[in-house]
N, C-alpha and C. Protein backbone atom coordinates (compact mmCIF):
# COMPACT_ATOMS: atom_id res chain seq x y z
N MET A 1 0.81 -1.18 0.00
CA MET A 1 0.00 0.00 0.00
C MET A 1 0.87 1.26 0.00
N THR A 2 2.01 1.20 0.68
CA THR A 2 2.88 2.37 0.73
C THR A 2 3.88 2.39 -0.42
N ASN A 3 4.00 1.31 -1.18
CA ASN A 3 4.89 1.27 -2.33
C ASN A 3 4.18 1.82 -3.56
N SER A 4 3.94 3.06 -3.56
CA SER A 4 3.23 3.69 -4.67
C SER A 4 4.24 4.27 -5.65
N SER A 5 3.98 4.06 -6.91
CA SER A 5 4.85 4.64 -7.93
C SER A 5 4.26 5.94 -8.48
N PHE A 6 3.26 6.42 -7.80
CA PHE A 6 2.62 7.67 -8.23
C PHE A 6 3.55 8.84 -7.93
N ASN A 7 3.77 9.67 -8.90
CA ASN A 7 4.67 10.81 -8.76
C ASN A 7 3.85 12.06 -8.43
N TRP A 8 3.82 12.41 -7.16
CA TRP A 8 3.03 13.55 -6.72
C TRP A 8 3.57 14.86 -7.28
N ARG A 9 4.85 14.99 -7.40
CA ARG A 9 5.44 16.22 -7.92
C ARG A 9 5.01 16.46 -9.37
N GLU A 10 5.03 15.40 -10.17
CA GLU A 10 4.60 15.51 -11.57
C GLU A 10 3.11 15.84 -11.66
N ALA A 11 2.31 15.20 -10.81
CA ALA A 11 0.87 15.45 -10.81
C ALA A 11 0.57 16.89 -10.42
N LEU A 12 1.25 17.39 -9.41
CA LEU A 12 1.05 18.77 -8.98
C LEU A 12 1.46 19.75 -10.06
N TRP A 13 2.56 19.46 -10.76
CA TRP A 13 3.01 20.32 -11.85
C TRP A 13 1.97 20.36 -12.97
N ARG A 14 1.43 19.21 -13.34
CA ARG A 14 0.43 19.16 -14.41
C ARG A 14 -0.86 19.87 -13.99
N LEU A 15 -1.27 19.68 -12.76
CA LEU A 15 -2.47 20.35 -12.28
C LEU A 15 -2.28 21.87 -12.24
N THR A 16 -1.10 22.32 -11.88
CA THR A 16 -0.82 23.75 -11.86
C THR A 16 -0.88 24.33 -13.27
N LYS A 17 -0.27 23.64 -14.22
CA LYS A 17 -0.33 24.10 -15.61
C LYS A 17 -1.77 24.14 -16.11
N ALA A 18 -2.55 23.13 -15.77
CA ALA A 18 -3.95 23.09 -16.20
C ALA A 18 -4.76 24.22 -15.56
N ALA A 19 -4.47 24.53 -14.31
CA ALA A 19 -5.17 25.61 -13.63
C ALA A 19 -4.86 26.95 -14.28
N VAL A 20 -3.62 27.16 -14.69
CA VAL A 20 -3.24 28.40 -15.37
C VAL A 20 -3.98 28.52 -16.69
N VAL A 21 -4.03 27.44 -17.45
CA VAL A 21 -4.75 27.46 -18.73
C VAL A 21 -6.24 27.74 -18.50
N THR A 22 -6.81 27.15 -17.47
CA THR A 22 -8.22 27.36 -17.16
C THR A 22 -8.49 28.82 -16.84
N VAL A 23 -7.64 29.43 -16.03
CA VAL A 23 -7.82 30.84 -15.67
C VAL A 23 -7.67 31.73 -16.90
N LEU A 24 -6.69 31.45 -17.75
CA LEU A 24 -6.50 32.25 -18.96
C LEU A 24 -7.69 32.13 -19.91
N ILE A 25 -8.22 30.94 -20.08
CA ILE A 25 -9.40 30.76 -20.94
C ILE A 25 -10.61 31.48 -20.33
N ALA A 26 -10.77 31.41 -19.02
CA ALA A 26 -11.88 32.09 -18.37
C ALA A 26 -11.78 33.60 -18.55
N LEU A 27 -10.60 34.16 -18.33
CA LEU A 27 -10.42 35.60 -18.50
C LEU A 27 -10.62 36.02 -19.95
N GLY A 28 -10.07 35.24 -20.87
CA GLY A 28 -10.24 35.57 -22.28
C GLY A 28 -11.68 35.50 -22.73
N SER A 29 -12.41 34.51 -22.26
CA SER A 29 -13.82 34.41 -22.65
C SER A 29 -14.64 35.53 -22.03
N MET A 30 -14.25 36.00 -20.85
CA MET A 30 -14.94 37.14 -20.25
C MET A 30 -14.72 38.40 -21.08
N VAL A 31 -13.50 38.58 -21.58
CA VAL A 31 -13.21 39.74 -22.43
C VAL A 31 -14.04 39.68 -23.70
N ILE A 32 -14.09 38.51 -24.33
CA ILE A 32 -14.90 38.35 -25.54
C ILE A 32 -16.37 38.66 -25.23
N ALA A 33 -16.86 38.17 -24.11
CA ALA A 33 -18.26 38.38 -23.75
C ALA A 33 -18.58 39.84 -23.51
N VAL A 34 -17.68 40.55 -22.83
CA VAL A 34 -17.92 41.96 -22.56
C VAL A 34 -17.91 42.76 -23.85
N VAL A 35 -16.99 42.43 -24.75
CA VAL A 35 -16.89 43.16 -26.02
C VAL A 35 -18.09 42.87 -26.92
N LEU A 36 -18.52 41.62 -27.01
CA LEU A 36 -19.65 41.26 -27.87
C LEU A 36 -21.00 41.55 -27.23
N GLY A 37 -21.06 41.55 -25.91
CA GLY A 37 -22.34 41.69 -25.23
C GLY A 37 -23.00 43.04 -25.44
N LEU A 38 -22.23 44.11 -25.45
CA LEU A 38 -22.83 45.44 -25.59
C LEU A 38 -23.45 45.66 -26.97
N PRO A 39 -22.76 45.35 -28.08
CA PRO A 39 -23.43 45.52 -29.37
C PRO A 39 -24.67 44.64 -29.53
N ILE A 40 -24.63 43.45 -28.97
CA ILE A 40 -25.80 42.58 -29.04
C ILE A 40 -26.95 43.20 -28.25
N ALA A 41 -26.66 43.72 -27.07
CA ALA A 41 -27.70 44.34 -26.24
C ALA A 41 -28.28 45.57 -26.91
N VAL A 42 -27.42 46.41 -27.47
CA VAL A 42 -27.90 47.62 -28.14
C VAL A 42 -28.72 47.24 -29.37
N GLY A 43 -28.26 46.25 -30.11
CA GLY A 43 -29.02 45.80 -31.28
C GLY A 43 -30.37 45.24 -30.90
N GLN A 44 -30.44 44.54 -29.81
CA GLN A 44 -31.71 43.97 -29.36
C GLN A 44 -32.61 45.04 -28.75
N TRP A 45 -32.01 46.08 -28.22
CA TRP A 45 -32.77 47.12 -27.51
C TRP A 45 -33.28 48.19 -28.46
N ARG A 46 -32.41 48.71 -29.34
CA ARG A 46 -32.78 49.84 -30.17
C ARG A 46 -32.54 49.65 -31.66
N GLY A 47 -32.15 48.48 -32.07
CA GLY A 47 -31.82 48.26 -33.47
C GLY A 47 -33.06 48.17 -34.34
N PRO A 48 -32.85 48.23 -35.66
CA PRO A 48 -33.97 47.99 -36.58
C PRO A 48 -34.50 46.57 -36.39
N ARG A 49 -35.65 46.32 -36.93
CA ARG A 49 -36.31 45.03 -36.71
C ARG A 49 -35.42 43.86 -37.09
N TRP A 50 -34.76 43.92 -38.22
CA TRP A 50 -33.93 42.80 -38.67
C TRP A 50 -32.73 42.59 -37.74
N VAL A 51 -32.18 43.67 -37.19
CA VAL A 51 -31.07 43.54 -36.24
C VAL A 51 -31.57 42.93 -34.93
N ARG A 52 -32.74 43.39 -34.49
CA ARG A 52 -33.33 42.82 -33.26
C ARG A 52 -33.57 41.32 -33.42
N MET A 53 -34.04 40.93 -34.60
CA MET A 53 -34.30 39.50 -34.84
C MET A 53 -33.00 38.69 -34.79
N ILE A 54 -31.95 39.18 -35.43
CA ILE A 54 -30.67 38.47 -35.43
C ILE A 54 -30.11 38.38 -34.02
N CYS A 55 -30.15 39.49 -33.29
CA CYS A 55 -29.63 39.48 -31.91
C CYS A 55 -30.45 38.56 -31.02
N THR A 56 -31.77 38.56 -31.20
CA THR A 56 -32.62 37.68 -30.40
C THR A 56 -32.35 36.22 -30.73
N LEU A 57 -32.18 35.90 -32.01
CA LEU A 57 -31.85 34.52 -32.40
C LEU A 57 -30.52 34.09 -31.79
N TYR A 58 -29.54 34.99 -31.83
CA TYR A 58 -28.23 34.69 -31.24
C TYR A 58 -28.37 34.37 -29.75
N VAL A 59 -29.06 35.25 -29.04
CA VAL A 59 -29.21 35.07 -27.59
C VAL A 59 -29.99 33.80 -27.28
N GLU A 60 -31.07 33.57 -27.98
CA GLU A 60 -31.88 32.38 -27.71
C GLU A 60 -31.13 31.10 -28.04
N PHE A 61 -30.35 31.12 -29.13
CA PHE A 61 -29.59 29.92 -29.48
C PHE A 61 -28.54 29.61 -28.42
N PHE A 62 -27.74 30.61 -28.06
CA PHE A 62 -26.63 30.34 -27.13
C PHE A 62 -27.10 30.14 -25.70
N ARG A 63 -28.23 30.72 -25.32
CA ARG A 63 -28.75 30.47 -23.98
C ARG A 63 -29.59 29.22 -23.92
N GLY A 64 -30.10 28.78 -25.08
CA GLY A 64 -31.01 27.64 -25.10
C GLY A 64 -30.37 26.30 -25.38
N THR A 65 -29.10 26.30 -25.75
CA THR A 65 -28.42 25.03 -26.00
C THR A 65 -27.31 24.85 -24.97
N PRO A 66 -27.03 23.62 -24.60
CA PRO A 66 -25.97 23.39 -23.61
C PRO A 66 -24.59 23.82 -24.14
N VAL A 67 -23.80 24.39 -23.27
CA VAL A 67 -22.48 24.87 -23.68
C VAL A 67 -21.60 23.72 -24.15
N LEU A 68 -21.78 22.54 -23.60
CA LEU A 68 -20.99 21.40 -24.05
C LEU A 68 -21.30 21.05 -25.50
N VAL A 69 -22.56 21.12 -25.88
CA VAL A 69 -22.95 20.86 -27.27
C VAL A 69 -22.32 21.92 -28.18
N GLN A 70 -22.33 23.16 -27.75
CA GLN A 70 -21.72 24.23 -28.54
C GLN A 70 -20.22 24.00 -28.71
N LEU A 71 -19.55 23.62 -27.64
CA LEU A 71 -18.11 23.37 -27.73
C LEU A 71 -17.80 22.17 -28.62
N LEU A 72 -18.60 21.13 -28.51
CA LEU A 72 -18.40 19.96 -29.37
C LEU A 72 -18.64 20.31 -30.83
N PHE A 73 -19.65 21.13 -31.10
CA PHE A 73 -19.90 21.55 -32.47
C PHE A 73 -18.72 22.36 -33.01
N LEU A 74 -18.22 23.28 -32.21
CA LEU A 74 -17.08 24.09 -32.67
C LEU A 74 -15.85 23.23 -32.90
N TYR A 75 -15.59 22.29 -32.01
CA TYR A 75 -14.37 21.50 -32.11
C TYR A 75 -14.43 20.45 -33.22
N PHE A 76 -15.59 19.79 -33.35
CA PHE A 76 -15.69 18.72 -34.34
C PHE A 76 -16.42 19.15 -35.62
N GLY A 77 -17.30 20.14 -35.53
CA GLY A 77 -18.09 20.54 -36.69
C GLY A 77 -17.40 21.52 -37.61
N LEU A 78 -16.68 22.47 -37.04
CA LEU A 78 -16.02 23.48 -37.89
C LEU A 78 -14.92 22.90 -38.77
N PRO A 79 -14.15 21.91 -38.34
CA PRO A 79 -13.15 21.34 -39.26
C PRO A 79 -13.77 20.71 -40.51
N VAL A 80 -15.02 20.31 -40.44
CA VAL A 80 -15.69 19.73 -41.60
C VAL A 80 -15.81 20.77 -42.72
N ILE A 81 -16.01 22.04 -42.34
CA ILE A 81 -16.12 23.10 -43.34
C ILE A 81 -14.80 23.84 -43.54
N GLY A 82 -13.73 23.31 -42.99
CA GLY A 82 -12.40 23.86 -43.24
C GLY A 82 -11.88 24.84 -42.21
N ILE A 83 -12.55 24.97 -41.09
CA ILE A 83 -12.09 25.88 -40.03
C ILE A 83 -11.64 25.04 -38.85
N ALA A 84 -10.35 24.83 -38.74
CA ALA A 84 -9.81 24.03 -37.64
C ALA A 84 -9.10 24.94 -36.64
N MET A 85 -9.40 24.75 -35.37
CA MET A 85 -8.77 25.54 -34.30
C MET A 85 -8.21 24.58 -33.26
N PRO A 86 -7.15 25.00 -32.58
CA PRO A 86 -6.68 24.17 -31.46
C PRO A 86 -7.71 24.14 -30.34
N GLY A 87 -7.59 23.17 -29.47
CA GLY A 87 -8.57 22.98 -28.41
C GLY A 87 -8.74 24.19 -27.51
N TRP A 88 -7.63 24.83 -27.12
CA TRP A 88 -7.74 25.97 -26.21
C TRP A 88 -8.45 27.13 -26.89
N LEU A 89 -8.22 27.34 -28.19
CA LEU A 89 -8.88 28.43 -28.90
C LEU A 89 -10.36 28.13 -29.09
N THR A 90 -10.68 26.88 -29.34
CA THR A 90 -12.08 26.48 -29.45
C THR A 90 -12.81 26.75 -28.13
N ALA A 91 -12.19 26.41 -27.02
CA ALA A 91 -12.79 26.66 -25.71
C ALA A 91 -12.95 28.15 -25.47
N LEU A 92 -11.94 28.92 -25.81
CA LEU A 92 -11.98 30.37 -25.62
C LEU A 92 -13.12 31.00 -26.42
N VAL A 93 -13.20 30.67 -27.70
CA VAL A 93 -14.24 31.23 -28.56
C VAL A 93 -15.62 30.73 -28.15
N GLY A 94 -15.74 29.44 -27.91
CA GLY A 94 -17.04 28.87 -27.55
C GLY A 94 -17.59 29.43 -26.25
N LEU A 95 -16.75 29.49 -25.23
CA LEU A 95 -17.21 30.04 -23.96
C LEU A 95 -17.47 31.53 -24.06
N GLY A 96 -16.66 32.24 -24.84
CA GLY A 96 -16.89 33.67 -25.04
C GLY A 96 -18.21 33.94 -25.74
N LEU A 97 -18.50 33.19 -26.80
CA LEU A 97 -19.77 33.37 -27.51
C LEU A 97 -20.96 33.02 -26.63
N ASN A 98 -20.83 31.96 -25.85
CA ASN A 98 -21.91 31.57 -24.96
C ASN A 98 -22.13 32.62 -23.89
N TYR A 99 -21.08 33.07 -23.28
CA TYR A 99 -21.21 34.03 -22.19
C TYR A 99 -21.65 35.39 -22.70
N ALA A 100 -21.34 35.73 -23.95
CA ALA A 100 -21.77 37.01 -24.52
C ALA A 100 -23.29 37.10 -24.58
N ALA A 101 -23.95 35.98 -24.81
CA ALA A 101 -25.42 35.98 -24.83
C ALA A 101 -25.97 36.33 -23.45
N TYR A 102 -25.39 35.77 -22.42
CA TYR A 102 -25.84 36.09 -21.06
C TYR A 102 -25.48 37.53 -20.68
N GLU A 103 -24.30 37.94 -21.06
CA GLU A 103 -23.85 39.30 -20.73
C GLU A 103 -24.71 40.34 -21.44
N SER A 104 -25.13 40.04 -22.66
CA SER A 104 -25.96 41.00 -23.40
C SER A 104 -27.28 41.25 -22.69
N GLN A 105 -27.81 40.24 -22.04
CA GLN A 105 -29.07 40.43 -21.33
C GLN A 105 -28.88 41.28 -20.08
N VAL A 106 -27.73 41.20 -19.46
CA VAL A 106 -27.43 42.09 -18.33
C VAL A 106 -27.37 43.53 -18.82
N TYR A 107 -26.69 43.76 -19.94
CA TYR A 107 -26.58 45.11 -20.50
C TYR A 107 -27.95 45.62 -20.95
N ARG A 108 -28.72 44.77 -21.60
CA ARG A 108 -30.03 45.20 -22.10
C ARG A 108 -30.93 45.62 -20.94
N ALA A 109 -30.94 44.84 -19.87
CA ALA A 109 -31.75 45.19 -18.71
C ALA A 109 -31.29 46.51 -18.09
N ALA A 110 -29.99 46.71 -18.05
CA ALA A 110 -29.46 47.97 -17.50
C ALA A 110 -29.84 49.15 -18.38
N LEU A 111 -29.78 48.97 -19.69
CA LEU A 111 -30.17 50.06 -20.60
C LEU A 111 -31.66 50.37 -20.48
N GLU A 112 -32.47 49.35 -20.33
CA GLU A 112 -33.91 49.57 -20.20
C GLU A 112 -34.27 50.18 -18.85
N ALA A 113 -33.38 50.09 -17.87
CA ALA A 113 -33.65 50.66 -16.55
C ALA A 113 -33.43 52.16 -16.50
N ILE A 114 -32.79 52.73 -17.50
CA ILE A 114 -32.55 54.17 -17.52
C ILE A 114 -33.86 54.87 -17.88
N PRO A 115 -34.29 55.84 -17.08
CA PRO A 115 -35.56 56.51 -17.38
C PRO A 115 -35.52 57.26 -18.72
N LYS A 116 -36.67 57.32 -19.38
CA LYS A 116 -36.77 58.00 -20.66
C LYS A 116 -36.43 59.48 -20.53
N GLY A 117 -36.66 60.03 -19.36
CA GLY A 117 -36.35 61.44 -19.12
C GLY A 117 -34.87 61.77 -19.30
N GLN A 118 -34.00 60.80 -19.12
CA GLN A 118 -32.57 61.03 -19.33
C GLN A 118 -32.28 61.30 -20.81
N TRP A 119 -32.95 60.54 -21.67
CA TRP A 119 -32.81 60.80 -23.11
C TRP A 119 -33.34 62.19 -23.45
N GLU A 120 -34.53 62.51 -22.93
CA GLU A 120 -35.15 63.79 -23.23
C GLU A 120 -34.29 64.95 -22.73
N ALA A 121 -33.72 64.80 -21.55
CA ALA A 121 -32.86 65.85 -21.01
C ALA A 121 -31.62 66.04 -21.86
N SER A 122 -31.04 64.95 -22.34
CA SER A 122 -29.84 65.08 -23.17
C SER A 122 -30.18 65.69 -24.52
N TYR A 123 -31.35 65.38 -25.06
CA TYR A 123 -31.76 66.00 -26.33
C TYR A 123 -32.01 67.49 -26.14
N SER A 124 -32.57 67.86 -24.99
CA SER A 124 -32.84 69.28 -24.74
C SER A 124 -31.54 70.08 -24.60
N LEU A 125 -30.46 69.40 -24.27
CA LEU A 125 -29.15 70.05 -24.21
C LEU A 125 -28.48 70.11 -25.57
N GLY A 126 -29.13 69.57 -26.59
CA GLY A 126 -28.59 69.62 -27.94
C GLY A 126 -27.68 68.46 -28.31
N MET A 127 -27.72 67.41 -27.53
CA MET A 127 -26.86 66.25 -27.83
C MET A 127 -27.49 65.40 -28.93
N SER A 128 -26.63 64.82 -29.74
CA SER A 128 -27.10 63.85 -30.73
C SER A 128 -27.42 62.54 -30.00
N PRO A 129 -28.20 61.65 -30.63
CA PRO A 129 -28.49 60.38 -29.95
C PRO A 129 -27.24 59.58 -29.59
N LEU A 130 -26.24 59.59 -30.47
CA LEU A 130 -25.01 58.85 -30.17
C LEU A 130 -24.24 59.48 -29.01
N LEU A 131 -24.16 60.80 -29.00
CA LEU A 131 -23.47 61.49 -27.90
C LEU A 131 -24.22 61.29 -26.59
N ALA A 132 -25.55 61.36 -26.63
CA ALA A 132 -26.34 61.14 -25.42
C ALA A 132 -26.14 59.72 -24.90
N PHE A 133 -26.10 58.77 -25.81
CA PHE A 133 -25.89 57.38 -25.39
C PHE A 133 -24.52 57.21 -24.75
N ARG A 134 -23.51 57.79 -25.39
CA ARG A 134 -22.14 57.60 -24.91
C ARG A 134 -21.87 58.34 -23.61
N ARG A 135 -22.42 59.56 -23.47
CA ARG A 135 -22.06 60.39 -22.32
C ARG A 135 -23.05 60.33 -21.16
N ILE A 136 -24.31 60.03 -21.44
CA ILE A 136 -25.34 60.07 -20.40
C ILE A 136 -25.86 58.67 -20.07
N ILE A 137 -26.31 57.96 -21.08
CA ILE A 137 -27.00 56.69 -20.85
C ILE A 137 -26.03 55.58 -20.47
N LEU A 138 -24.97 55.41 -21.24
CA LEU A 138 -24.04 54.30 -21.01
C LEU A 138 -23.38 54.33 -19.63
N PRO A 139 -22.91 55.49 -19.14
CA PRO A 139 -22.33 55.47 -17.77
C PRO A 139 -23.34 55.07 -16.69
N GLN A 140 -24.58 55.52 -16.84
CA GLN A 140 -25.60 55.13 -15.85
C GLN A 140 -25.93 53.65 -15.96
N ALA A 141 -26.02 53.17 -17.19
CA ALA A 141 -26.31 51.75 -17.39
C ALA A 141 -25.17 50.88 -16.86
N PHE A 142 -23.94 51.35 -17.01
CA PHE A 142 -22.80 50.59 -16.50
C PHE A 142 -22.88 50.44 -14.99
N ARG A 143 -23.29 51.50 -14.31
CA ARG A 143 -23.43 51.42 -12.85
C ARG A 143 -24.51 50.42 -12.45
N ILE A 144 -25.56 50.36 -13.24
CA ILE A 144 -26.64 49.41 -12.94
C ILE A 144 -26.19 47.99 -13.26
N ALA A 145 -25.43 47.82 -14.35
CA ALA A 145 -25.03 46.48 -14.81
C ALA A 145 -23.86 45.90 -14.02
N LEU A 146 -23.13 46.72 -13.30
CA LEU A 146 -21.92 46.25 -12.62
C LEU A 146 -22.17 45.11 -11.63
N PRO A 147 -23.16 45.20 -10.73
CA PRO A 147 -23.36 44.06 -9.81
C PRO A 147 -23.69 42.74 -10.52
N PRO A 148 -24.63 42.72 -11.50
CA PRO A 148 -24.86 41.44 -12.17
C PRO A 148 -23.66 40.96 -12.98
N MET A 149 -22.89 41.89 -13.53
CA MET A 149 -21.69 41.49 -14.28
C MET A 149 -20.70 40.79 -13.37
N THR A 150 -20.45 41.36 -12.21
CA THR A 150 -19.50 40.73 -11.30
C THR A 150 -20.04 39.40 -10.80
N ASN A 151 -21.35 39.30 -10.64
CA ASN A 151 -21.96 38.03 -10.25
C ASN A 151 -21.73 36.98 -11.33
N ASP A 152 -21.87 37.36 -12.58
CA ASP A 152 -21.65 36.41 -13.68
C ASP A 152 -20.18 36.03 -13.80
N PHE A 153 -19.29 36.96 -13.53
CA PHE A 153 -17.86 36.66 -13.64
C PHE A 153 -17.42 35.64 -12.61
N VAL A 154 -18.05 35.68 -11.46
CA VAL A 154 -17.68 34.73 -10.41
C VAL A 154 -18.21 33.38 -10.78
C-alpha cells in the first residue's frame, strides 16, 4: 500500500499548468463576452427590426443550448467546413460566444432601466443620440449592470 509509484510532484506540476490554462481561458472568454455583449444588447434594444431579430436569435440559441454541445460543435463541426482551431482556442471562442449571450441580457436590462427622461434631457441640451448614449445613458447603465456582471464573472 505504501509502495506507490505515483509521482506527486509531476501530478502537482500538471495540475498547476492546467489551472493556469483554465484561468486564462476564463479571463479571455470574459473579455470576448464583454466586447460582444454590448453591441448585441444595443441591437436587441434599439436596433432595426432585422437587427433585433438576429440578436434575439443569437441570444436564444446560445442560452437555449448546452455549452458542451456548442463546444463539441465548434471542435468537431467546424473542421468539416475547413475551419480548424486548437482545443484551447475552441474553448476560448465557444465560452466567449456563450457568455456574450448572457452578458448582453445584463446590459439590455441595465439600458432599459434608464428613465426616458434622461434621453429627453440630453436631447434638450442639444446632444445627438449617439453622444447622449455615450455620455449620459451608457455610464448610468454601466453602474446598474456592474453588480450582475460581477456576479456572472464569479
